[in-house]
């Protein structure tokens, strides 16, 4: 038996070149496939980035001049608000009266610091002409007013109030100026 020639064992040069190109092509295709898989995996597995990204250079933008007056944003009365002249909260502790585009409220039992409390039996406050002012000495509880249930609102003109179990909020629907009253605190909006 004769042995094949060395040329036949290793193949002719053209066959070897084709095999090398085929191997190189396969390796290139495999590398391309791995890169594609890596990019897709990064997109799918990367956490979403919700942080703000500046779209313009700061040096190219102009700073807006702050306005001298605070801009008021309207806050309309909730849909379904009752049109009332006066009301009392379900606890009976806070009573209010609407009058000529204003609202005044009085709190019977309260635990306010001395520097914000009235010396009278009632702590009273009034929202009128877009301003909230203490109204010590005035009684806004009304004569046998209807109860404004928790979660409900009352409106008269441009003033609205919402009764909640943790307090009462009244505000001017055009300027959003107002106050929050509860047994524990009083604050302006």
C-alpha atoms as a PDB file:
ATOM      1  CA  UNK A   1       0.000   0.000   0.000  1.00  0.00           C
ATOM      2  CA  UNK A   2       1.279   3.320  -0.865  1.00  0.00           C
ATOM      3  CA  UNK A   3       1.057   6.307   1.359  1.00  0.00           C
ATOM      4  CA  UNK A   4      -0.590   9.440   0.122  1.00  0.00           C
ATOM      5  CA  UNK A   5       1.737  12.171  -0.879  1.00  0.00           C
ATOM      6  CA  UNK A   6       2.337  14.993   1.591  1.00  0.00           C
ATOM      7  CA  UNK A   7       0.561  17.331  -0.751  1.00  0.00           C
ATOM      8  CA  UNK A   8      -2.614  15.206  -0.726  1.00  0.00           C
ATOM      9  CA  UNK A   9      -2.576  14.994   3.101  1.00  0.00           C
ATOM     10  CA  UNK A  10      -2.502  18.720   3.631  1.00  0.00           C
ATOM     11  CA  UNK A  11      -4.474  19.506   0.553  1.00  0.00           C
ATOM     12  CA  UNK A  12      -3.596  21.844  -2.188  1.00  0.00           C
ATOM     13  CA  UNK A  13      -2.945  25.525  -1.402  1.00  0.00           C
ATOM     14  CA  UNK A  14      -6.317  26.660  -2.754  1.00  0.00           C
ATOM     15  CA  UNK A  15      -8.210  24.253  -0.503  1.00  0.00           C
ATOM     16  CA  UNK A  16      -6.218  25.388   2.535  1.00  0.00           C
ATOM     17  CA  UNK A  17      -6.885  29.038   1.717  1.00  0.00           C
ATOM     18  CA  UNK A  18     -10.605  28.369   1.373  1.00  0.00           C
ATOM     19  CA  UNK A  19     -10.660  26.566   4.715  1.00  0.00           C
ATOM     20  CA  UNK A  20      -8.814  29.441   6.404  1.00  0.00           C
ATOM     21  CA  UNK A  21     -11.238  32.000   4.954  1.00  0.00           C
ATOM     22  CA  UNK A  22     -14.190  29.871   6.000  1.00  0.00           C
ATOM     23  CA  UNK A  23     -12.799  29.593   9.554  1.00  0.00           C
ATOM     24  CA  UNK A  24     -12.079  33.333   9.662  1.00  0.00           C
ATOM     25  CA  UNK A  25     -15.603  34.080   8.430  1.00  0.00           C
ATOM     26  CA  UNK A  26     -17.107  31.792  11.063  1.00  0.00           C
ATOM     27  CA  UNK A  27     -15.022  33.415  13.810  1.00  0.00           C
ATOM     28  CA  UNK A  28     -16.016  36.890  12.601  1.00  0.00           C
ATOM     29  CA  UNK A  29     -19.694  35.888  12.517  1.00  0.00           C
ATOM     30  CA  UNK A  30     -19.413  34.408  16.011  1.00  0.00           C
ATOM     31  CA  UNK A  31     -17.760  37.601  17.321  1.00  0.00           C
ATOM     32  CA  UNK A  32     -20.482  39.728  15.714  1.00  0.00           C
ATOM     33  CA  UNK A  33     -23.181  37.516  17.244  1.00  0.00           C
ATOM     34  CA  UNK A  34     -21.596  37.829  20.720  1.00  0.00           C
ATOM     35  CA  UNK A  35     -21.454  41.638  20.421  1.00  0.00           C
ATOM     36  CA  UNK A  36     -25.103  41.734  19.341  1.00  0.00           C
ATOM     37  CA  UNK A  37     -26.134  39.512  22.275  1.00  0.00           C
ATOM     38  CA  UNK A  38     -24.177  41.767  24.662  1.00  0.00           C
ATOM     39  CA  UNK A  39     -25.888  44.928  23.379  1.00  0.00           C
ATOM     40  CA  UNK A  40     -29.369  43.391  23.597  1.00  0.00           C
ATOM     41  CA  UNK A  41     -28.678  42.027  27.091  1.00  0.00           C
ATOM     42  CA  UNK A  42     -27.446  45.432  28.273  1.00  0.00           C
ATOM     43  CA  UNK A  43     -30.586  47.129  26.980  1.00  0.00           C
ATOM     44  CA  UNK A  44     -32.929  44.575  28.552  1.00  0.00           C
ATOM     45  CA  UNK A  45     -31.118  44.220  31.862  1.00  0.00           C
ATOM     46  CA  UNK A  46     -30.081  47.838  32.451  1.00  0.00           C
ATOM     47  CA  UNK A  47     -32.165  49.653  35.096  1.00  0.00           C
ATOM     48  CA  UNK A  48     -34.289  52.513  33.802  1.00  0.00           C
ATOM     49  CA  UNK A  49     -32.628  55.871  34.296  1.00  0.00           C
ATOM     50  CA  UNK A  50     -35.294  58.404  35.254  1.00  0.00           C
ATOM     51  CA  UNK A  51     -32.827  61.115  36.195  1.00  0.00           C
ATOM     52  CA  UNK A  52     -33.026  64.488  34.542  1.00  0.00           C
ATOM     53  CA  UNK A  53     -30.659  65.033  31.625  1.00  0.00           C
ATOM     54  CA  UNK A  54     -29.918  68.632  30.640  1.00  0.00           C
ATOM     55  CA  UNK A  55     -30.738  69.126  26.962  1.00  0.00           C
ATOM     56  CA  UNK A  56     -28.962  72.454  26.540  1.00  0.00           C
ATOM     57  CA  UNK A  57     -25.781  74.014  27.759  1.00  0.00           C
ATOM     58  CA  UNK A  58     -26.304  76.281  30.780  1.00  0.00           C
ATOM     59  CA  UNK A  59     -24.270  79.041  29.158  1.00  0.00           C
ATOM     60  CA  UNK A  60     -26.740  79.166  26.267  1.00  0.00           C
ATOM     61  CA  UNK A  61     -29.863  79.665  28.389  1.00  0.00           C
ATOM     62  CA  UNK A  62     -31.089  82.902  29.876  1.00  0.00           C
ATOM     63  CA  UNK A  63     -32.124  83.108  33.495  1.00  0.00           C
ATOM     64  CA  UNK A  64     -35.729  84.165  33.979  1.00  0.00           C
ATOM     65  CA  UNK A  65     -36.188  87.183  36.174  1.00  0.00           C
ATOM     66  CA  UNK A  66     -38.173  86.330  39.310  1.00  0.00           C
ATOM     67  CA  UNK A  67     -41.448  88.192  39.403  1.00  0.00           C
ATOM     68  CA  UNK A  68     -41.941  90.702  42.164  1.00  0.00           C
ATOM     69  CA  UNK A  69     -45.337  89.277  43.021  1.00  0.00           C
ATOM     70  CA  UNK A  70     -46.013  85.653  43.792  1.00  0.00           C
ATOM     71  CA  UNK A  71     -48.005  84.083  41.018  1.00  0.00           C
ATOM     72  CA  UNK A  72     -51.223  82.611  42.353  1.00  0.00           C
ATOM     73  CA  UNK A  73     -52.549  79.453  40.831  1.00  0.00           C
ATOM     74  CA  UNK A  74     -56.264  78.801  40.949  1.00  0.00           C
ATOM     75  CA  UNK A  75     -57.539  75.838  42.920  1.00  0.00           C
ATOM     76  CA  UNK A  76     -61.194  75.262  42.089  1.00  0.00           C
ATOM     77  CA  UNK A  77     -63.749  73.891  44.516  1.00  0.00           C
ATOM     78  CA  UNK A  78     -64.141  70.106  44.277  1.00  0.00           C
ATOM     79  CA  UNK A  79     -66.891  68.833  42.016  1.00  0.00           C
ATOM     80  CA  UNK A  80     -70.115  68.278  43.932  1.00  0.00           C
ATOM     81  CA  UNK A  81     -69.411  70.999  46.525  1.00  0.00           C
ATOM     82  CA  UNK A  82     -72.477  72.098  48.471  1.00  0.00           C
ATOM     83  CA  UNK A  83     -73.615  75.718  48.319  1.00  0.00           C
ATOM     84  CA  UNK A  84     -74.034  76.663  51.975  1.00  0.00           C
ATOM     85  CA  UNK A  85     -74.249  79.835  54.062  1.00  0.00           C
ATOM     86  CA  UNK A  86     -72.794  78.187  57.175  1.00  0.00           C
ATOM     87  CA  UNK A  87     -71.828  74.732  58.414  1.00  0.00           C
ATOM     88  CA  UNK A  88     -70.312  72.798  61.296  1.00  0.00           C
ATOM     89  CA  UNK A  89     -67.888  69.865  61.105  1.00  0.00           C
ATOM     90  CA  UNK A  90     -69.138  66.414  62.249  1.00  0.00           C
ATOM     91  CA  UNK A  91     -67.217  66.749  65.529  1.00  0.00           C
ATOM     92  CA  UNK A  92     -69.075  69.994  66.207  1.00  0.00           C
ATOM     93  CA  UNK A  93     -65.744  71.615  67.068  1.00  0.00           C
ATOM     94  CA  UNK A  94     -65.382  73.892  64.017  1.00  0.00           C
ATOM     95  CA  UNK A  95     -68.122  76.124  62.636  1.00  0.00           C
ATOM     96  CA  UNK A  96     -67.904  78.420  59.606  1.00  0.00           C
ATOM     97  CA  UNK A  97     -69.964  81.112  57.914  1.00  0.00           C
ATOM     98  CA  UNK A  98     -69.659  82.302  54.298  1.00  0.00           C
ATOM     99  CA  UNK A  99     -70.327  85.989  53.682  1.00  0.00           C
ATOM    100  CA  UNK A 100     -69.736  88.215  50.607  1.00  0.00           C
ATOM    101  CA  UNK A 101     -66.864  86.213  49.063  1.00  0.00           C
ATOM    102  CA  UNK A 102     -65.253  85.466  52.418  1.00  0.00           C
ATOM    103  CA  UNK A 103     -65.356  82.733  55.036  1.00  0.00           C
ATOM    104  CA  UNK A 104     -64.882  82.932  58.769  1.00  0.00           C
ATOM    105  CA  UNK A 105     -64.374  79.883  60.993  1.00  0.00           C
ATOM    106  CA  UNK A 106     -64.297  79.392  64.757  1.00  0.00           C
ATOM    107  CA  UNK A 107     -62.745  76.528  66.752  1.00  0.00           C
ATOM    108  CA  UNK A 108     -64.184  75.679  70.185  1.00  0.00           C
ATOM    109  CA  UNK A 109     -61.784  73.138  71.728  1.00  0.00           C
ATOM    110  CA  UNK A 110     -58.152  73.501  70.719  1.00  0.00           C
ATOM    111  CA  UNK A 111     -54.596  73.009  71.883  1.00  0.00           C
ATOM    112  CA  UNK A 112     -52.713  75.905  70.221  1.00  0.00           C
ATOM    113  CA  UNK A 113     -49.553  77.595  71.486  1.00  0.00           C
ATOM    114  CA  UNK A 114     -50.307  80.786  73.425  1.00  0.00           C
ATOM    115  CA  UNK A 115     -48.662  83.018  70.810  1.00  0.00           C
ATOM    116  CA  UNK A 116     -51.143  81.922  68.096  1.00  0.00           C
ATOM    117  CA  UNK A 117     -54.258  81.460  70.245  1.00  0.00           C
ATOM    118  CA  UNK A 118     -57.016  83.950  70.972  1.00  0.00           C
ATOM    119  CA  UNK A 119     -57.723  84.732  74.601  1.00  0.00           C
ATOM    120  CA  UNK A 120     -61.475  84.343  74.011  1.00  0.00           C
ATOM    121  CA  UNK A 121     -63.431  81.099  74.253  1.00  0.00           C
ATOM    122  CA  UNK A 122     -63.285  80.676  70.467  1.00  0.00           C
ATOM    123  CA  UNK A 123     -60.313  80.861  68.138  1.00  0.00           C
ATOM    124  CA  UNK A 124     -61.560  82.531  64.957  1.00  0.00           C
ATOM    125  CA  UNK A 125     -59.980  83.254  61.598  1.00  0.00           C
ATOM    126  CA  UNK A 126     -61.282  84.931  58.440  1.00  0.00           C
ATOM    127  CA  UNK A 127     -60.333  84.596  54.764  1.00  0.00           C
ATOM    128  CA  UNK A 128     -61.339  87.747  52.887  1.00  0.00           C
ATOM    129  CA  UNK A 129     -59.948  89.566  49.843  1.00  0.00           C
ATOM    130  CA  UNK A 130     -57.244  86.918  49.407  1.00  0.00           C
ATOM    131  CA  UNK A 131     -55.868  87.365  52.940  1.00  0.00           C
ATOM    132  CA  UNK A 132     -56.104  85.239  56.077  1.00  0.00           C
ATOM    133  CA  UNK A 133     -56.420  87.161  59.340  1.00  0.00           C
ATOM    134  CA  UNK A 134     -57.108  86.114  62.936  1.00  0.00           C
ATOM    135  CA  UNK A 135     -60.578  87.256  63.976  1.00  0.00           C
ATOM    136  CA  UNK A 136     -60.407  86.911  67.753  1.00  0.00           C
ATOM    137  CA  UNK A 137     -63.655  87.855  69.446  1.00  0.00           C
ATOM    138  CA  UNK A 138     -65.836  86.915  66.452  1.00  0.00           C
ATOM    139  CA  UNK A 139     -68.142  83.900  66.411  1.00  0.00           C
ATOM    140  CA  UNK A 140     -68.638  82.168  63.058  1.00  0.00           C
ATOM    141  CA  UNK A 141     -70.391  79.069  64.410  1.00  0.00           C
ATOM    142  CA  UNK A 142     -73.836  80.185  63.179  1.00  0.00           C
ATOM    143  CA  UNK A 143     -77.323  79.335  64.426  1.00  0.00           C
ATOM    144  CA  UNK A 144     -77.988  75.589  64.069  1.00  0.00           C
ATOM    145  CA  UNK A 145     -75.862  75.162  60.905  1.00  0.00           C
ATOM    146  CA  UNK A 146     -75.968  72.005  58.762  1.00  0.00           C
ATOM    147  CA  UNK A 147     -73.200  69.439  59.202  1.00  0.00           C
ATOM    148  CA  UNK A 148     -70.528  69.272  56.485  1.00  0.00           C
ATOM    149  CA  UNK A 149     -69.611  65.578  56.517  1.00  0.00           C
ATOM    150  CA  UNK A 150     -65.991  64.445  56.345  1.00  0.00           C
ATOM    151  CA  UNK A 151     -64.825  64.168  52.756  1.00  0.00           C
ATOM    152  CA  UNK A 152     -67.348  66.759  51.553  1.00  0.00           C
ATOM    153  CA  UNK A 153     -66.876  70.375  50.477  1.00  0.00           C
ATOM    154  CA  UNK A 154     -68.864  73.593  50.632  1.00  0.00           C
ATOM    155  CA  UNK A 155     -68.516  76.608  48.353  1.00  0.00           C
ATOM    156  CA  UNK A 156     -69.775  80.177  48.270  1.00  0.00           C
ATOM    157  CA  UNK A 157     -68.598  82.515  45.525  1.00  0.00           C
ATOM    158  CA  UNK A 158     -64.831  82.141  45.195  1.00  0.00           C
ATOM    159  CA  UNK A 159     -64.308  80.519  48.612  1.00  0.00           C
ATOM    160  CA  UNK A 160     -64.418  76.776  49.330  1.00  0.00           C
ATOM    161  CA  UNK A 161     -63.928  74.553  52.394  1.00  0.00           C
ATOM    162  CA  UNK A 162     -63.344  70.804  52.683  1.00  0.00           C
ATOM    163  CA  UNK A 163     -64.068  68.875  55.882  1.00  0.00           C
ATOM    164  CA  UNK A 164     -61.768  65.949  56.749  1.00  0.00           C
ATOM    165  CA  UNK A 165     -61.452  63.882  59.929  1.00  0.00           C
ATOM    166  CA  UNK A 166     -58.074  65.504  60.629  1.00  0.00           C
ATOM    167  CA  UNK A 167     -59.231  69.095  60.095  1.00  0.00           C
ATOM    168  CA  UNK A 168     -60.865  71.678  57.871  1.00  0.00           C
ATOM    169  CA  UNK A 169     -59.254  73.394  54.876  1.00  0.00           C
ATOM    170  CA  UNK A 170     -60.678  76.626  53.434  1.00  0.00           C
ATOM    171  CA  UNK A 171     -59.235  78.495  50.442  1.00  0.00           C
ATOM    172  CA  UNK A 172     -59.871  81.178  47.838  1.00  0.00           C
ATOM    173  CA  UNK A 173     -60.446  79.305  44.564  1.00  0.00           C
ATOM    174  CA  UNK A 174     -58.810  82.092  42.519  1.00  0.00           C
ATOM    175  CA  UNK A 175     -55.612  82.583  44.549  1.00  0.00           C
ATOM    176  CA  UNK A 176     -55.305  79.331  46.580  1.00  0.00           C
ATOM    177  CA  UNK A 177     -54.756  81.456  49.707  1.00  0.00           C
ATOM    178  CA  UNK A 178     -56.368  79.842  52.712  1.00  0.00           C
ATOM    179  CA  UNK A 179     -56.021  78.097  56.048  1.00  0.00           C
ATOM    180  CA  UNK A 180     -56.182  74.702  57.731  1.00  0.00           C
ATOM    181  CA  UNK A 181     -57.875  74.352  61.122  1.00  0.00           C
ATOM    182  CA  UNK A 182     -57.929  71.394  63.476  1.00  0.00           C
ATOM    183  CA  UNK A 183     -58.068  70.772  67.203  1.00  0.00           C
ATOM    184  CA  UNK A 184     -54.248  70.573  67.252  1.00  0.00           C
ATOM    185  CA  UNK A 185     -53.127  73.292  64.861  1.00  0.00           C
ATOM    186  CA  UNK A 186     -53.852  76.307  62.700  1.00  0.00           C
ATOM    187  CA  UNK A 187     -51.838  77.173  59.607  1.00  0.00           C
ATOM    188  CA  UNK A 188     -52.157  79.388  56.555  1.00  0.00           C
ATOM    189  CA  UNK A 189     -51.769  78.225  52.968  1.00  0.00           C
END
